[in-house]
């Protein structure tokens, strides 16, 4: 079906338009594009994904510059964190899209024969993607890849806390993808609040648990399905049989990524007491080394103040944690055996502060984890398959990494998402396609063979036959 699309609306005077009116205007444009039917075709979907790939390939330098302006992060770190994963996700999706979008036949039992049944994925409609500032390209474009692959139109709101990247995405996206079907809006929390009060067909949010709750509550008004990619205090359990040198190096590397401002960063360490001293000694060497390779700064003064407050009142012993307000950086801090009830151990740290808590054994570590909200990620260092199996079975988390950290994010076949307070729903690869699709059930039966005994009243023979077939 071919339908004339609405012309892109002028954006030159957006600041003069009331927020609610702006949101409704943009939503109407996206809805018109979806209702035209063009987003449903595989050709359109493929074209959008190829456009996103060109956006990344042709503007890598500008992306590096924008993220450096926002976060101070270097180009290689941005390549590994924002550019390469999005590029890989697009290529993976293009490779498998035709198969994902194809109907799946479902077998029928004898009682339902003759006939044919299948499930067909269809786009949900107009979706809302609210990105996050800490990986401003990855966490904005990654879900958009899945939304477009599923055939949806989208309104995209990049984070206002990474303004240079938000401005770049607002400039580039209309040039590389359908400008009516993908609308980009910039603004603060006022805009986000106005967006989630409107009727979308799916809302995808990456950010804090507090904001996630508010979005879920607002979306409930329209019974809009919501995917929440939140955070949480992701623990690391270090068993006494772990390779301490490798564990310390990998924990330090993961804690240093993006200045510790990552939702799946290690938040705290639970270590068996027999190897506690060795691990602390090694971490005090590895953390400064890893931090020296990452130039990311704390995103703003408010977050710096929050991290500074976590460095006091925890009841543990502190190593490091010097603050430079001019550069908005903190040297890595290790806090040994803080009070579990302290603010440090109650809220997600999201910075280069690493508490280390001593436990008697793995059972105590598991009990500590299970006594708190379910984390987005859990990490375990052990050489024992028995310990690995025990921890995996006894705990619940969005994902588990064994003997390394954060790499589960890079496997498109693995669903990425949280559980409980760390999030709801998942994406990446086919899981992302499914998240933004409605899987519609279809049953077709022939008009022929419409036998009268299939309808009531049922005689004794028919009753016996039906009870055997359907029971």
Protein backbone atom coordinates (compact mmCIF):
# COMPACT_ATOMS: atom_id res chain seq x y z
CA UNK A 1 0.00 0.00 0.00
CA UNK A 2 1.32 3.42 -0.92
CA UNK A 3 0.17 6.45 0.99
CA UNK A 4 1.45 9.97 0.68
CA UNK A 5 3.41 10.79 3.82
CA UNK A 6 3.25 13.95 5.85
CA UNK A 7 6.03 16.43 5.21
CA UNK A 8 8.62 16.80 7.97
CA UNK A 9 7.60 19.57 10.33
CA UNK A 10 9.85 22.59 10.73
CA UNK A 11 11.95 22.54 13.88
CA UNK A 12 13.27 26.06 13.78
CA UNK A 13 10.83 27.46 16.32
CA UNK A 14 10.44 24.50 18.67
CA UNK A 15 11.31 26.51 21.75
CA UNK A 16 8.28 28.71 21.16
CA UNK A 17 5.88 25.74 21.10
CA UNK A 18 4.42 24.55 24.42
CA UNK A 19 5.86 21.15 25.34
CA UNK A 20 2.56 19.27 25.27
CA UNK A 21 1.65 20.72 21.88
CA UNK A 22 5.10 19.88 20.51
CA UNK A 23 4.87 16.29 21.71
CA UNK A 24 1.41 15.79 20.21
CA UNK A 25 2.48 17.32 16.91
CA UNK A 26 5.52 15.06 16.65
CA UNK A 27 3.52 12.02 17.69
CA UNK A 28 0.95 12.79 14.99
CA UNK A 29 3.65 12.94 12.32
CA UNK A 30 5.10 9.61 13.42
CA UNK A 31 1.62 8.07 13.67
CA UNK A 32 0.80 9.24 10.13
CA UNK A 33 3.99 7.61 8.86
CA UNK A 34 3.16 4.33 10.56
CA UNK A 35 -0.47 4.36 9.45
CA UNK A 36 0.69 4.80 5.85
CA UNK A 37 1.80 1.16 6.03
CA UNK A 38 5.27 1.71 4.60
CA UNK A 39 7.14 0.78 7.78
CA UNK A 40 5.82 -2.78 7.61
CA UNK A 41 7.77 -3.79 4.51
CA UNK A 42 11.10 -5.55 4.87
CA UNK A 43 12.49 -3.20 2.24
CA UNK A 44 11.73 -0.17 4.41
CA UNK A 45 13.12 -1.82 7.51
CA UNK A 46 16.31 -2.84 5.76
CA UNK A 47 16.72 0.65 4.33
CA UNK A 48 16.47 2.19 7.81
CA UNK A 49 19.03 -0.21 9.28
CA UNK A 50 21.41 0.44 6.42
CA UNK A 51 20.91 4.15 7.01
CA UNK A 52 21.83 3.78 10.67
CA UNK A 53 24.93 1.85 9.68
CA UNK A 54 25.97 4.65 7.31
CA UNK A 55 25.30 7.19 10.07
CA UNK A 56 27.82 5.39 12.28
CA UNK A 57 30.37 4.73 9.53
CA UNK A 58 30.32 8.21 8.03
CA UNK A 59 30.26 10.17 11.29
CA UNK A 60 32.52 8.27 13.66
CA UNK A 61 34.78 11.30 14.05
CA UNK A 62 31.88 13.60 14.90
CA UNK A 63 30.51 11.05 17.37
CA UNK A 64 33.91 10.88 19.08
CA UNK A 65 34.05 14.66 19.30
CA UNK A 66 30.54 14.96 20.74
CA UNK A 67 31.07 12.27 23.38
CA UNK A 68 34.41 13.76 24.33
CA UNK A 69 32.68 17.12 24.80
CA UNK A 70 29.99 15.52 26.96
CA UNK A 71 32.04 13.06 29.01
CA UNK A 72 35.71 13.63 28.25
CA UNK A 73 35.97 10.08 26.93
CA UNK A 74 38.67 9.18 24.40
CA UNK A 75 38.01 7.91 20.87
CA UNK A 76 39.13 4.30 21.43
CA UNK A 77 36.91 3.97 24.50
CA UNK A 78 34.01 5.42 22.51
CA UNK A 79 34.67 2.99 19.67
CA UNK A 80 34.55 0.03 22.04
CA UNK A 81 31.57 1.25 24.07
CA UNK A 82 29.30 3.12 21.66
CA UNK A 83 30.30 2.58 18.05
CA UNK A 84 31.35 -1.06 17.64
CA UNK A 85 28.41 -2.57 19.59
CA UNK A 86 25.82 -0.59 17.61
CA UNK A 87 27.52 -1.43 14.34
CA UNK A 88 27.57 -5.12 15.25
CA UNK A 89 23.93 -5.05 16.33
CA UNK A 90 22.87 -3.53 13.00
CA UNK A 91 24.82 -6.09 10.97
CA UNK A 92 23.52 -8.96 13.07
CA UNK A 93 19.94 -7.72 12.65
CA UNK A 94 20.28 -7.27 8.89
CA UNK A 95 21.60 -10.81 8.59
CA UNK A 96 18.67 -12.38 10.44
CA UNK A 97 15.78 -9.96 9.89
CA UNK A 98 14.01 -11.88 7.13
CA UNK A 99 13.92 -15.03 9.25
CA UNK A 100 12.81 -13.19 12.40
CA UNK A 101 9.96 -11.48 10.55
CA UNK A 102 8.65 -14.65 8.89
CA UNK A 103 5.49 -16.35 10.23
CA UNK A 104 6.05 -19.44 12.34
CA UNK A 105 3.77 -22.40 11.75
CA UNK A 106 2.21 -24.00 14.82
CA UNK A 107 1.12 -27.69 14.74
CA UNK A 108 -2.54 -28.48 15.37
CA UNK A 109 -3.94 -31.37 17.38
CA UNK A 110 -6.46 -33.72 15.85
CA UNK A 111 -9.35 -31.85 17.51
CA UNK A 112 -8.46 -28.66 15.63
CA UNK A 113 -8.04 -30.27 12.24
CA UNK A 114 -8.47 -29.53 9.40
CA UNK A 115 -6.79 -26.14 9.47
CA UNK A 116 -3.54 -24.27 9.74
CA UNK A 117 -2.17 -22.11 12.57
CA UNK A 118 0.73 -19.71 12.67
CA UNK A 119 2.21 -16.80 14.59
CA UNK A 120 3.14 -13.67 12.68
CA UNK A 121 5.22 -10.85 14.16
CA UNK A 122 3.82 -7.41 13.46
CA UNK A 123 5.02 -3.94 14.48
CA UNK A 124 3.41 -2.45 17.56
CA UNK A 125 3.05 1.05 16.09
CA UNK A 126 4.74 4.21 17.33
CA UNK A 127 7.29 3.59 20.06
CA UNK A 128 9.14 5.92 22.39
CA UNK A 129 12.87 5.47 23.01
CA UNK A 130 14.36 7.49 25.88
CA UNK A 131 18.14 7.21 25.82
CA UNK A 132 20.73 7.57 28.57
CA UNK A 133 23.70 9.90 28.92
CA UNK A 134 26.47 7.52 30.02
CA UNK A 135 26.68 5.72 26.65
CA UNK A 136 24.68 8.25 24.63
CA UNK A 137 24.93 6.58 21.21
CA UNK A 138 24.77 2.95 22.35
CA UNK A 139 21.79 3.42 24.66
CA UNK A 140 19.85 5.53 22.17
CA UNK A 141 20.52 3.82 18.84
CA UNK A 142 20.75 0.23 20.09
CA UNK A 143 17.04 -0.01 21.01
CA UNK A 144 16.16 2.02 17.91
CA UNK A 145 17.75 -0.71 15.78
CA UNK A 146 15.30 -3.23 17.22
CA UNK A 147 12.34 -0.86 16.94
CA UNK A 148 12.96 -0.19 13.25
CA UNK A 149 13.73 -3.83 12.49
CA UNK A 150 10.30 -4.69 13.87
CA UNK A 151 8.69 -2.12 11.54
CA UNK A 152 7.75 0.60 14.00
CA UNK A 153 7.83 4.36 13.80
CA UNK A 154 9.63 6.00 16.70
CA UNK A 155 10.09 9.14 18.70
CA UNK A 156 13.62 9.30 20.09
CA UNK A 157 14.63 11.43 23.05
CA UNK A 158 18.38 11.50 23.71
CA UNK A 159 19.51 12.45 27.19
CA UNK A 160 19.87 16.15 27.93
CA UNK A 161 22.86 15.33 30.17
CA UNK A 162 24.91 14.56 27.05
CA UNK A 163 23.87 17.65 25.05
CA UNK A 164 26.52 17.56 22.32
CA UNK A 165 25.63 13.97 21.42
CA UNK A 166 21.91 14.73 21.63
CA UNK A 167 22.34 17.64 19.24
CA UNK A 168 24.37 15.49 16.83
CA UNK A 169 21.75 12.71 16.81
CA UNK A 170 19.00 15.26 16.23
CA UNK A 171 20.93 16.55 13.22
CA UNK A 172 21.97 13.21 11.74
CA UNK A 173 19.03 10.86 12.21
CA UNK A 174 16.67 12.71 9.81
CA UNK A 175 19.39 12.55 7.16
CA UNK A 176 19.93 8.79 7.38
CA UNK A 177 16.52 7.34 8.21
CA UNK A 178 12.91 8.13 7.31
CA UNK A 179 12.53 11.63 8.84
CA UNK A 180 8.79 11.29 9.35
CA UNK A 181 8.86 7.83 10.89
CA UNK A 182 11.76 8.66 13.22
CA UNK A 183 11.33 11.93 15.11
CA UNK A 184 13.99 13.26 17.47
CA UNK A 185 13.05 15.51 20.37
CA UNK A 186 15.46 17.25 22.71
CA UNK A 187 14.62 18.44 26.18
CA UNK A 188 14.81 17.81 29.90
CA UNK A 189 12.64 15.92 32.36
CA UNK A 190 9.68 18.15 31.49
CA UNK A 191 9.73 16.79 27.95
CA UNK A 192 10.08 13.19 29.17
CA UNK A 193 7.08 13.66 31.46
CA UNK A 194 5.01 15.08 28.61
CA UNK A 195 6.03 12.22 26.32
CA UNK A 196 5.09 9.37 28.65
CA UNK A 197 1.63 10.79 29.28
CA UNK A 198 0.76 10.32 25.60
CA UNK A 199 -0.50 7.10 24.04
CA UNK A 200 2.47 5.21 22.60
CA UNK A 201 2.46 1.57 21.57
CA UNK A 202 5.63 0.79 23.49
CA UNK A 203 7.95 2.77 25.75
CA UNK A 204 11.63 1.90 26.08
CA UNK A 205 13.56 3.68 28.84
CA UNK A 206 17.16 3.41 30.00
CA UNK A 207 18.04 5.15 33.23
CA UNK A 208 17.53 5.18 36.97
CA UNK A 209 15.11 3.04 38.95
CA UNK A 210 13.44 6.16 40.37
CA UNK A 211 12.63 7.57 36.94
CA UNK A 212 11.72 4.10 35.69
CA UNK A 213 9.00 3.84 38.34
CA UNK A 214 7.56 7.19 37.27
CA UNK A 215 7.53 6.16 33.61
CA UNK A 216 5.85 2.86 34.42
CA UNK A 217 3.19 4.67 36.44
CA UNK A 218 2.51 7.22 33.69
CA UNK A 219 2.39 4.57 30.97
CA UNK A 220 -0.10 2.51 32.95
CA UNK A 221 -2.76 5.12 32.16
CA UNK A 222 -2.83 3.84 28.57
CA UNK A 223 -1.77 0.26 29.43
CA UNK A 224 1.30 0.91 27.30
CA UNK A 225 3.87 -1.90 27.46
CA UNK A 226 7.15 -0.68 28.90
CA UNK A 227 10.72 -1.94 28.78
CA UNK A 228 12.84 -0.57 31.61
CA UNK A 229 16.61 -0.94 31.45
CA UNK A 230 17.61 0.27 34.89
CA UNK A 231 20.59 -0.31 37.12
CA UNK A 232 21.20 -1.68 40.56
CA UNK A 233 24.11 -2.71 42.68
CA UNK A 234 25.80 -5.39 40.61
CA UNK A 235 27.92 -7.55 42.94
CA UNK A 236 31.14 -9.44 42.32
CA UNK A 237 31.74 -12.64 44.27
CA UNK A 238 35.38 -13.69 44.51
CA UNK A 239 35.83 -17.27 45.72
CA UNK A 240 38.94 -18.47 47.51
CA UNK A 241 39.91 -20.60 44.50
CA UNK A 242 39.77 -17.66 42.05
CA UNK A 243 42.81 -16.45 40.13
CA UNK A 244 43.27 -13.28 42.20
CA UNK A 245 45.59 -11.57 39.74
CA UNK A 246 43.16 -12.02 36.85
CA UNK A 247 40.14 -11.18 39.02
CA UNK A 248 41.68 -7.92 40.24
CA UNK A 249 42.75 -6.86 36.76
CA UNK A 250 39.32 -7.55 35.26
CA UNK A 251 37.39 -5.96 38.12
CA UNK A 252 39.57 -2.86 37.91
CA UNK A 253 39.13 -2.64 34.15
CA UNK A 254 35.33 -2.94 34.40
CA UNK A 255 35.15 -0.39 37.22
CA UNK A 256 37.21 2.07 35.18
CA UNK A 257 35.07 1.85 32.04
CA UNK A 258 33.39 5.23 31.53
CA UNK A 259 34.57 6.38 34.94
CA UNK A 260 32.46 3.69 36.60
CA UNK A 261 29.34 5.22 35.10
CA UNK A 262 27.88 2.04 33.62
CA UNK A 263 24.77 0.15 34.62
CA UNK A 264 26.55 -3.22 34.55
CA UNK A 265 29.73 -2.00 36.23
CA UNK A 266 30.80 -3.89 39.35
CA UNK A 267 29.23 -2.03 42.26
CA UNK A 268 30.76 -3.92 45.18
CA UNK A 269 32.87 -7.03 45.86
CA UNK A 270 32.16 -9.93 48.21
CA UNK A 271 35.38 -11.83 48.83
CA UNK A 272 36.09 -14.94 50.90
CA UNK A 273 38.21 -13.94 53.89
CA UNK A 274 41.12 -16.26 53.09
CA UNK A 275 41.93 -14.26 49.93
CA UNK A 276 40.64 -10.87 51.04
CA UNK A 277 44.08 -9.35 51.78
CA UNK A 278 45.54 -10.52 48.48
CA UNK A 279 42.61 -9.15 46.49
CA UNK A 280 42.66 -5.75 48.22
CA UNK A 281 46.41 -5.43 47.70
CA UNK A 282 46.08 -6.28 44.03
CA UNK A 283 43.10 -3.99 43.44
CA UNK A 284 44.95 -1.04 44.96
CA UNK A 285 47.54 -1.54 42.20
CA UNK A 286 45.20 -2.33 39.33
CA UNK A 287 42.51 0.33 39.87
CA UNK A 288 44.76 3.40 39.39
CA UNK A 289 46.37 1.74 36.39
CA UNK A 290 43.01 1.06 34.75
CA UNK A 291 41.65 4.50 35.62
CA UNK A 292 44.68 6.11 34.01
CA UNK A 293 43.61 4.64 30.67
CA UNK A 294 40.11 6.17 30.82
CA UNK A 295 39.66 9.92 30.58
CA UNK A 296 35.93 9.97 31.26
CA UNK A 297 34.84 12.56 33.80
CA UNK A 298 31.87 12.55 36.14
CA UNK A 299 28.94 13.83 34.10
CA UNK A 300 28.05 16.90 36.18
CA UNK A 301 28.52 18.61 39.55
CA UNK A 302 25.37 17.08 41.02
CA UNK A 303 26.66 13.57 40.43
CA UNK A 304 30.09 14.59 41.74
CA UNK A 305 28.48 15.88 44.94
CA UNK A 306 26.56 12.61 45.30
CA UNK A 307 29.73 10.54 44.92
CA UNK A 308 31.58 12.76 47.40
CA UNK A 309 28.85 12.13 49.97
CA UNK A 310 29.31 8.36 49.53
CA UNK A 311 32.98 8.64 50.51
CA UNK A 312 32.09 9.51 54.11
CA UNK A 313 29.90 7.95 56.77
CA UNK A 314 30.28 4.37 55.54
CA UNK A 315 32.13 3.00 58.57
CA UNK A 316 34.82 1.28 56.49
CA UNK A 317 38.45 2.01 55.71
CA UNK A 318 39.01 4.24 52.69
CA UNK A 319 41.86 4.12 50.19
CA UNK A 320 42.01 6.81 47.48
CA UNK A 321 39.04 8.84 46.33
CA UNK A 322 40.65 12.25 45.80
CA UNK A 323 38.30 14.69 44.08
CA UNK A 324 39.32 17.28 41.48
CA UNK A 325 36.38 19.61 40.99
CA UNK A 326 37.99 21.51 38.16
CA UNK A 327 38.36 18.38 36.01
CA UNK A 328 35.29 16.77 37.62
CA UNK A 329 37.15 13.53 38.33
CA UNK A 330 37.68 11.18 41.27
CA UNK A 331 40.65 8.89 41.71
CA UNK A 332 39.61 5.27 42.29
CA UNK A 333 38.49 4.61 45.85
CA UNK A 334 38.47 1.30 47.67
CA UNK A 335 36.31 1.08 50.80
CA UNK A 336 36.93 -2.05 52.84
CA UNK A 337 34.16 -3.56 54.95
CA UNK A 338 31.70 -0.65 55.01
CA UNK A 339 28.51 -0.81 57.06
CA UNK A 340 25.97 -2.72 54.91
CA UNK A 341 23.30 -0.23 56.01
CA UNK A 342 25.32 2.83 54.92
CA UNK A 343 24.30 4.98 51.99
CA UNK A 344 27.30 3.59 50.09
CA UNK A 345 25.78 0.11 50.24
CA UNK A 346 22.17 1.14 49.70
CA UNK A 347 22.29 3.07 46.43
CA UNK A 348 23.89 2.40 43.06
CA UNK A 349 27.33 4.02 43.09
CA UNK A 350 27.77 4.84 39.39
CA UNK A 351 31.32 6.06 39.82
CA UNK A 352 34.90 4.94 40.63
CA UNK A 353 34.21 3.82 44.21
CA UNK A 354 34.52 0.12 45.01
CA UNK A 355 33.37 -1.29 48.37
CA UNK A 356 34.88 -4.64 49.38
CA UNK A 357 33.06 -6.79 51.93
CA UNK A 358 34.59 -9.84 53.59
CA UNK A 359 32.49 -13.00 53.82
CA UNK A 360 33.23 -16.32 55.49
CA UNK A 361 32.23 -18.43 52.53
CA UNK A 362 30.23 -18.54 49.30
CA UNK A 363 27.02 -19.31 51.19
CA UNK A 364 27.34 -16.02 53.10
CA UNK A 365 28.02 -14.16 49.84
CA UNK A 366 24.90 -15.65 48.26
CA UNK A 367 22.82 -14.74 51.31
CA UNK A 368 24.14 -11.16 51.14
CA UNK A 369 23.14 -10.86 47.47
CA UNK A 370 19.74 -12.46 48.01
CA UNK A 371 18.99 -10.10 50.89
CA UNK A 372 18.97 -7.14 48.49
CA UNK A 373 17.07 -6.18 45.31
CA UNK A 374 17.90 -8.35 42.32
CA UNK A 375 20.83 -6.84 40.41
CA UNK A 376 21.17 -6.15 36.71
CA UNK A 377 24.36 -8.22 36.62
CA UNK A 378 26.17 -10.57 38.97
CA UNK A 379 29.80 -11.56 38.55
CA UNK A 380 31.60 -14.58 39.94
CA UNK A 381 35.30 -15.44 39.97
CA UNK A 382 35.97 -19.11 40.65
CA UNK A 383 37.76 -22.08 39.12
CA UNK A 384 35.18 -24.49 40.50
CA UNK A 385 32.26 -25.66 38.37
CA UNK A 386 30.53 -26.72 41.58
CA UNK A 387 30.72 -23.16 42.94
CA UNK A 388 29.68 -21.76 39.58
CA UNK A 389 26.62 -24.00 39.47
CA UNK A 390 25.70 -23.29 43.09
CA UNK A 391 25.84 -19.50 42.71
CA UNK A 392 24.04 -19.54 39.37
CA UNK A 393 21.18 -21.61 40.79
CA UNK A 394 20.91 -19.84 44.14
CA UNK A 395 20.82 -16.23 42.90
CA UNK A 396 18.63 -14.20 40.56
CA UNK A 397 19.95 -11.39 38.36
CA UNK A 398 19.54 -9.97 34.89
CA UNK A 399 22.72 -11.74 33.77
CA UNK A 400 25.76 -13.52 35.20
CA UNK A 401 29.36 -13.16 34.12
CA UNK A 402 31.78 -15.85 35.25
CA UNK A 403 35.47 -14.93 35.43
CA UNK A 404 34.91 -11.71 33.49
CA UNK A 405 32.70 -8.67 33.56
CA UNK A 406 30.48 -6.76 31.12
CA UNK A 407 31.16 -8.96 28.09
CA UNK A 408 27.65 -10.42 28.19
CA UNK A 409 26.48 -7.08 26.82
CA UNK A 410 28.27 -7.78 23.54
CA UNK A 411 26.58 -11.08 22.65
CA UNK A 412 23.47 -10.30 20.57
CA UNK A 413 22.04 -13.77 21.10
CA UNK A 414 21.91 -13.16 24.87
CA UNK A 415 18.90 -11.17 26.12
CA UNK A 416 20.00 -8.04 27.94
CA UNK A 417 17.74 -6.80 30.70
CA UNK A 418 17.09 -6.73 34.40
CA UNK A 419 14.72 -8.28 36.88
CA UNK A 420 12.77 -6.64 39.67
CA UNK A 421 14.20 -3.23 40.53
CA UNK A 422 16.97 -3.60 37.93
CA UNK A 423 14.48 -3.55 35.06
CA UNK A 424 11.76 -5.31 33.16
CA UNK A 425 11.94 -6.75 29.66
CA UNK A 426 14.99 -7.32 27.50
CA UNK A 427 16.52 -6.55 24.11
CA UNK A 428 19.52 -7.21 21.83
CA UNK A 429 19.30 -9.37 18.72
CA UNK A 430 16.08 -11.31 18.28
CA UNK A 431 15.08 -10.45 21.83
CA UNK A 432 14.98 -6.79 20.79
CA UNK A 433 12.99 -7.60 17.67
CA UNK A 434 10.50 -9.55 19.79
CA UNK A 435 10.25 -6.76 22.35
CA UNK A 436 9.09 -4.29 19.71
CA UNK A 437 6.82 -6.79 17.93
CA UNK A 438 3.36 -8.10 18.65
CA UNK A 439 3.24 -11.83 17.97
CA UNK A 440 -0.20 -12.31 16.50
CA UNK A 441 -1.85 -15.73 16.52
CA UNK A 442 -3.69 -16.77 13.34
CA UNK A 443 -5.87 -19.83 12.78
CA UNK A 444 -7.39 -20.65 9.40
CA UNK A 445 -9.97 -23.38 8.84
CA UNK A 446 -11.59 -24.37 5.55
CA UNK A 447 -15.26 -23.72 4.91
CA UNK A 448 -15.64 -27.22 3.51
CA UNK A 449 -16.38 -30.17 5.76
CA UNK A 450 -18.65 -28.10 7.98
CA UNK A 451 -20.29 -31.19 9.45
CA UNK A 452 -23.43 -30.86 11.54
CA UNK A 453 -22.25 -33.19 14.32
CA UNK A 454 -19.58 -30.57 15.23
CA UNK A 455 -22.32 -28.38 16.72
CA UNK A 456 -24.58 -29.02 19.73
CA UNK A 457 -26.64 -30.77 20.76
CA UNK A 458 -24.16 -33.62 20.96
CA UNK A 459 -25.26 -37.25 20.88
CA UNK A 460 -23.63 -39.99 22.94
CA UNK A 461 -21.26 -41.06 20.17
CA UNK A 462 -20.21 -37.49 19.37
CA UNK A 463 -19.66 -36.78 23.06
CA UNK A 464 -17.38 -39.83 23.40
CA UNK A 465 -15.43 -38.84 20.30
CA UNK A 466 -14.99 -35.22 21.40
CA UNK A 467 -13.94 -36.23 24.91
CA UNK A 468 -11.28 -38.53 23.49
CA UNK A 469 -10.00 -35.95 20.98
CA UNK A 470 -10.00 -32.97 23.33
CA UNK A 471 -9.31 -34.61 26.68
